[in-house]
Protein backbone atom coordinates (compact mmCIF):
# COMPACT_ATOMS: atom_id res chain seq x y z
CA UNK A 1 2.67 -3.34 0.30
CA UNK A 2 1.72 -0.41 2.48
CA UNK A 3 0.58 2.87 0.97
CA UNK A 4 1.05 5.81 3.32
CA UNK A 5 -0.34 9.28 2.83
CA UNK A 6 -1.02 12.45 4.72
CA UNK A 7 -3.95 11.70 7.09
CA UNK A 8 -5.98 14.66 5.83
CA UNK A 9 -5.72 13.42 2.24
CA UNK A 10 -6.85 9.95 3.33
CA UNK A 11 -9.79 11.46 5.18
CA UNK A 12 -10.83 13.53 2.15
CA UNK A 13 -10.79 10.46 -0.11
CA UNK A 14 -12.72 8.46 2.48
CA UNK A 15 -15.42 11.14 2.76
CA UNK A 16 -15.66 11.39 -1.05
CA UNK A 17 -16.15 7.60 -1.29
CA UNK A 18 -18.87 7.46 1.36
CA UNK A 19 -20.52 10.73 0.31
CA UNK A 20 -20.61 12.33 3.77
CA UNK A 21 -18.43 13.53 6.61
CA UNK A 22 -16.73 10.87 8.69
CA UNK A 23 -18.19 10.07 12.11
CA UNK A 24 -15.97 10.27 15.21
CA UNK A 25 -15.68 6.47 15.37
CA UNK A 26 -14.56 6.39 11.72
CA UNK A 27 -11.97 9.10 12.40
CA UNK A 28 -10.65 7.07 15.31
CA UNK A 29 -10.50 3.94 13.14
CA UNK A 30 -8.58 5.74 10.38
CA UNK A 31 -6.06 7.06 12.91
CA UNK A 32 -5.67 3.60 14.46
CA UNK A 33 -5.18 1.93 11.07
CA UNK A 34 -2.52 4.49 10.16
CA UNK A 35 -0.67 3.97 13.45
CA UNK A 36 -0.88 0.17 13.41
CA UNK A 37 0.15 -0.06 9.75
CA UNK A 38 3.19 2.12 10.40
CA UNK A 39 4.07 -0.03 13.41
CA UNK A 40 3.78 -3.23 11.37
CA UNK A 41 6.02 -1.87 8.65
CA UNK A 42 8.60 -0.72 11.20
CA UNK A 43 8.52 -4.00 13.12
CA UNK A 44 8.85 -6.18 10.01
CA UNK A 45 10.57 -4.16 7.24
CA UNK A 46 11.35 -7.25 5.15
CA UNK A 47 7.66 -8.09 4.94
CA UNK A 48 6.36 -4.72 3.72
CA UNK A 49 7.26 -2.36 0.93
CA UNK A 50 6.19 1.09 2.08
CA UNK A 51 5.15 3.55 -0.59
CA UNK A 52 4.73 7.06 0.75
CA UNK A 53 2.33 9.10 -1.36
CA UNK A 54 3.41 12.28 0.43
CA UNK A 55 6.70 12.19 -1.47
CA UNK A 56 5.66 10.93 -4.93
CA UNK A 57 3.23 11.88 -7.64
CA UNK A 58 0.44 9.55 -8.71
CA UNK A 59 2.31 8.06 -11.69
CA UNK A 60 5.40 7.33 -9.58
CA UNK A 61 3.21 5.55 -7.03
CA UNK A 62 1.51 3.47 -9.73
CA UNK A 63 4.87 2.59 -11.30
CA UNK A 64 6.23 1.51 -7.92
CA UNK A 65 3.16 -0.64 -7.19
CA UNK A 66 3.53 -2.40 -10.55
CA UNK A 67 7.25 -2.95 -9.98
CA UNK A 68 6.69 -4.41 -6.50
CA UNK A 69 3.91 -6.70 -7.78
CA UNK A 70 6.08 -7.96 -10.64
CA UNK A 71 9.05 -8.62 -8.36
CA UNK A 72 6.84 -10.43 -5.88
CA UNK A 73 5.23 -12.52 -8.62
CA UNK A 74 8.66 -13.50 -9.94
CA UNK A 75 9.89 -14.39 -6.46
CA UNK A 76 6.81 -16.44 -5.61
CA UNK A 77 6.81 -18.14 -8.99
CA UNK A 78 10.53 -18.95 -8.82
CA UNK A 79 10.05 -20.45 -5.38
CA UNK A 80 6.92 -22.43 -6.26
CA UNK A 81 7.80 -23.30 -9.89
CA UNK A 82 11.52 -22.80 -10.50
CA UNK A 83 11.31 -23.69 -14.22
CA UNK A 84 8.18 -21.73 -15.21
CA UNK A 85 7.98 -18.22 -16.58
CA UNK A 86 5.69 -15.67 -14.93
CA UNK A 87 3.37 -14.39 -17.72
CA UNK A 88 2.66 -10.99 -16.13
CA UNK A 89 6.31 -10.18 -15.32
CA UNK A 90 7.49 -9.34 -18.81
């Protein structure tokens, strides 16, 4: 799962978490992570579910994360244990 957001919003949350402004090396790292993550998702679309926070409110994002996790748990469980129920996927 890949959560994408507007870079400025990511930077604001990062600075709030660390309690200071980001250093130039941290800004470069954030930009690189964003670029590489987008490249990975583009190169292997079957491997990643991309959730774009720029186009969804917080509740929609949470609902999508839960749905993806449940589907993945069911798929993994069905593959590993074809006759067992997945407790969290109700």
